[in-house]
């Protein structure tokens, strides 16, 4: 039972982090710097 609760909490935290990163990109127009290897 404890393990299932922990799994649920971890999933929720991961989803919140993903949504937070996506919304930051949308709201602030944040573009991470492009690595030099991809700048061609």
PDB file of N, CA and C in Angstrom:
ATOM      1  N   UNK A   1       0.839  -1.202   0.000  1.00  0.00           N
ATOM      2  CA  UNK A   1       0.000   0.000   0.000  1.00  0.00           C
ATOM      3  C   UNK A   1       0.876   1.255   0.000  1.00  0.00           C
ATOM      4  N   UNK A   2       1.912   1.240   0.832  1.00  0.00           N
ATOM      5  CA  UNK A   2       2.806   2.387   0.925  1.00  0.00           C
ATOM      6  C   UNK A   2       3.530   2.617  -0.402  1.00  0.00           C
ATOM      7  N   UNK A   3       3.902   1.516  -1.050  1.00  0.00           N
ATOM      8  CA  UNK A   3       4.624   1.615  -2.320  1.00  0.00           C
ATOM      9  C   UNK A   3       3.741   2.246  -3.393  1.00  0.00           C
ATOM     10  N   UNK A   4       2.475   1.874  -3.429  1.00  0.00           N
ATOM     11  CA  UNK A   4       1.543   2.423  -4.420  1.00  0.00           C
ATOM     12  C   UNK A   4       1.351   3.928  -4.203  1.00  0.00           C
ATOM     13  N   UNK A   5       1.261   4.344  -2.948  1.00  0.00           N
ATOM     14  CA  UNK A   5       1.107   5.764  -2.622  1.00  0.00           C
ATOM     15  C   UNK A   5       2.340   6.541  -3.085  1.00  0.00           C
ATOM     16  N   UNK A   6       3.514   5.976  -2.836  1.00  0.00           N
ATOM     17  CA  UNK A   6       4.761   6.621  -3.253  1.00  0.00           C
ATOM     18  C   UNK A   6       4.818   6.749  -4.769  1.00  0.00           C
ATOM     19  N   UNK A   7       4.395   5.701  -5.481  1.00  0.00           N
ATOM     20  CA  UNK A   7       4.377   5.744  -6.947  1.00  0.00           C
ATOM     21  C   UNK A   7       3.447   6.848  -7.441  1.00  0.00           C
ATOM     22  N   UNK A   8       2.285   6.971  -6.816  1.00  0.00           N
ATOM     23  CA  UNK A   8       1.331   8.005  -7.199  1.00  0.00           C
ATOM     24  C   UNK A   8       1.892   9.400  -6.980  1.00  0.00           C
ATOM     25  N   UNK A   9       2.540   9.601  -5.848  1.00  0.00           N
ATOM     26  CA  UNK A   9       3.126  10.911  -5.541  1.00  0.00           C
ATOM     27  C   UNK A   9       4.230  11.243  -6.542  1.00  0.00           C
ATOM     28  N   UNK A  10       5.075  10.269  -6.844  1.00  0.00           N
ATOM     29  CA  UNK A  10       6.172  10.501  -7.790  1.00  0.00           C
ATOM     30  C   UNK A  10       5.631  10.843  -9.174  1.00  0.00           C
ATOM     31  N   UNK A  11       4.580  10.157  -9.605  1.00  0.00           N
ATOM     32  CA  UNK A  11       3.969  10.443 -10.902  1.00  0.00           C
ATOM     33  C   UNK A  11       3.412  11.856 -10.928  1.00  0.00           C
ATOM     34  N   UNK A  12       2.750  12.240  -9.857  1.00  0.00           N
ATOM     35  CA  UNK A  12       2.174  13.583  -9.764  1.00  0.00           C
ATOM     36  C   UNK A  12       3.264  14.648  -9.820  1.00  0.00           C
ATOM     37  N   UNK A  13       4.343  14.439  -9.087  1.00  0.00           N
ATOM     38  CA  UNK A  13       5.452  15.400  -9.080  1.00  0.00           C
ATOM     39  C   UNK A  13       6.070  15.510 -10.469  1.00  0.00           C
ATOM     40  N   UNK A  14       6.256  14.373 -11.142  1.00  0.00           N
ATOM     41  CA  UNK A  14       6.841  14.387 -12.486  1.00  0.00           C
ATOM     42  C   UNK A  14       5.937  15.133 -13.462  1.00  0.00           C
ATOM     43  N   UNK A  15       4.635  14.892 -13.387  1.00  0.00           N
ATOM     44  CA  UNK A  15       3.687  15.584 -14.269  1.00  0.00           C
ATOM     45  C   UNK A  15       3.681  17.086 -14.007  1.00  0.00           C
ATOM     46  N   UNK A  16       3.716  17.472 -12.740  1.00  0.00           N
ATOM     47  CA  UNK A  16       3.719  18.896 -12.402  1.00  0.00           C
ATOM     48  C   UNK A  16       4.988  19.568 -12.917  1.00  0.00           C
ATOM     49  N   UNK A  17       6.120  18.886 -12.805  1.00  0.00           N
ATOM     50  CA  UNK A  17       7.380  19.453 -13.290  1.00  0.00           C
ATOM     51  C   UNK A  17       7.339  19.627 -14.801  1.00  0.00           C
ATOM     52  N   UNK A  18       6.793  18.643 -15.495  1.00  0.00           N
ATOM     53  CA  UNK A  18       6.706  18.703 -16.952  1.00  0.00           C
ATOM     54  C   UNK A  18       5.772  19.834 -17.385  1.00  0.00           C
ATOM     55  N   UNK A  19       4.634  19.947 -16.725  1.00  0.00           N
ATOM     56  CA  UNK A  19       3.683  21.010 -17.057  1.00  0.00           C
ATOM     57  C   UNK A  19       4.276  22.377 -16.745  1.00  0.00           C
ATOM     58  N   UNK A  20       5.001  22.473 -15.657  1.00  0.00           N
ATOM     59  CA  UNK A  20       5.632  23.737 -15.287  1.00  0.00           C
ATOM     60  C   UNK A  20       6.645  24.172 -16.324  1.00  0.00           C
ATOM     61  N   UNK A  21       7.448  23.230 -16.815  1.00  0.00           N
ATOM     62  CA  UNK A  21       8.447  23.559 -17.829  1.00  0.00           C
ATOM     63  C   UNK A  21       7.772  23.971 -19.129  1.00  0.00           C
ATOM     64  N   UNK A  22       6.726  23.257 -19.522  1.00  0.00           N
ATOM     65  CA  UNK A  22       6.023  23.573 -20.769  1.00  0.00           C
ATOM     66  C   UNK A  22       5.335  24.933 -20.675  1.00  0.00           C
ATOM     67  N   UNK A  23       4.700  25.222 -19.545  1.00  0.00           N
ATOM     68  CA  UNK A  23       3.992  26.491 -19.410  1.00  0.00           C
ATOM     69  C   UNK A  23       4.969  27.655 -19.345  1.00  0.00           C
ATOM     70  N   UNK A  24       6.143  27.441 -18.776  1.00  0.00           N
ATOM     71  CA  UNK A  24       7.147  28.508 -18.736  1.00  0.00           C
ATOM     72  C   UNK A  24       7.576  28.858 -20.155  1.00  0.00           C
ATOM     73  N   UNK A  25       7.722  27.861 -21.005  1.00  0.00           N
ATOM     74  CA  UNK A  25       8.086  28.099 -22.406  1.00  0.00           C
ATOM     75  C   UNK A  25       6.988  28.896 -23.112  1.00  0.00           C
ATOM     76  N   UNK A  26       5.743  28.554 -22.853  1.00  0.00           N
ATOM     77  CA  UNK A  26       4.626  29.227 -23.521  1.00  0.00           C
ATOM     78  C   UNK A  26       4.446  30.653 -23.023  1.00  0.00           C
ATOM     79  N   UNK A  27       4.461  30.839 -21.705  1.00  0.00           N
ATOM     80  CA  UNK A  27       4.145  32.149 -21.139  1.00  0.00           C
ATOM     81  C   UNK A  27       5.247  33.166 -21.361  1.00  0.00           C
ATOM     82  N   UNK A  28       6.498  32.754 -21.165  1.00  0.00           N
ATOM     83  CA  UNK A  28       7.601  33.718 -21.191  1.00  0.00           C
ATOM     84  C   UNK A  28       8.371  33.683 -22.502  1.00  0.00           C
ATOM     85  N   UNK A  29       7.985  32.800 -23.415  1.00  0.00           N
ATOM     86  CA  UNK A  29       8.700  32.687 -24.679  1.00  0.00           C
ATOM     87  C   UNK A  29      10.135  32.256 -24.463  1.00  0.00           C
ATOM     88  N   UNK A  30      10.360  31.463 -23.447  1.00  0.00           N
ATOM     89  CA  UNK A  30      11.725  31.041 -23.119  1.00  0.00           C
ATOM     90  C   UNK A  30      12.227  30.033 -24.135  1.00  0.00           C
ATOM     91  N   UNK A  31      13.352  30.350 -24.754  1.00  0.00           N
ATOM     92  CA  UNK A  31      14.008  29.417 -25.665  1.00  0.00           C
ATOM     93  C   UNK A  31      15.365  29.060 -25.072  1.00  0.00           C
ATOM     94  N   UNK A  32      15.588  27.806 -24.763  1.00  0.00           N
ATOM     95  CA  UNK A  32      16.911  27.438 -24.258  1.00  0.00           C
ATOM     96  C   UNK A  32      17.968  27.686 -25.323  1.00  0.00           C
ATOM     97  N   UNK A  33      19.181  28.071 -24.930  1.00  0.00           N
ATOM     98  CA  UNK A  33      20.230  28.312 -25.922  1.00  0.00           C
ATOM     99  C   UNK A  33      20.532  27.055 -26.725  1.00  0.00           C
ATOM    100  N   UNK A  34      20.750  27.234 -28.011  1.00  0.00           N
ATOM    101  CA  UNK A  34      21.029  26.099 -28.891  1.00  0.00           C
ATOM    102  C   UNK A  34      22.485  25.669 -28.724  1.00  0.00           C
ATOM    103  N   UNK A  35      22.731  24.382 -28.543  1.00  0.00           N
ATOM    104  CA  UNK A  35      24.121  23.917 -28.448  1.00  0.00           C
ATOM    105  C   UNK A  35      24.895  24.229 -29.725  1.00  0.00           C
ATOM    106  N   UNK A  36      26.193  24.481 -29.574  1.00  0.00           N
ATOM    107  CA  UNK A  36      27.020  24.845 -30.733  1.00  0.00           C
ATOM    108  C   UNK A  36      27.025  23.751 -31.796  1.00  0.00           C
ATOM    109  N   UNK A  37      26.913  22.496 -31.363  1.00  0.00           N
ATOM    110  CA  UNK A  37      26.943  21.393 -32.324  1.00  0.00           C
ATOM    111  C   UNK A  37      25.720  21.393 -33.236  1.00  0.00           C
ATOM    112  N   UNK A  38      24.624  22.047 -32.811  1.00  0.00           N
ATOM    113  CA  UNK A  38      23.405  22.083 -33.621  1.00  0.00           C
ATOM    114  C   UNK A  38      23.266  23.381 -34.418  1.00  0.00           C
ATOM    115  N   UNK A  39      24.179  24.320 -34.223  1.00  0.00           N
ATOM    116  CA  UNK A  39      24.097  25.601 -34.928  1.00  0.00           C
ATOM    117  C   UNK A  39      24.803  25.492 -36.276  1.00  0.00           C
ATOM    118  N   UNK A  40      24.082  25.012 -37.287  1.00  0.00           N
ATOM    119  CA  UNK A  40      24.682  24.890 -38.627  1.00  0.00           C
ATOM    120  C   UNK A  40      23.792  25.573 -39.628  1.00  0.00           C
TER     121      UNK A  40
END
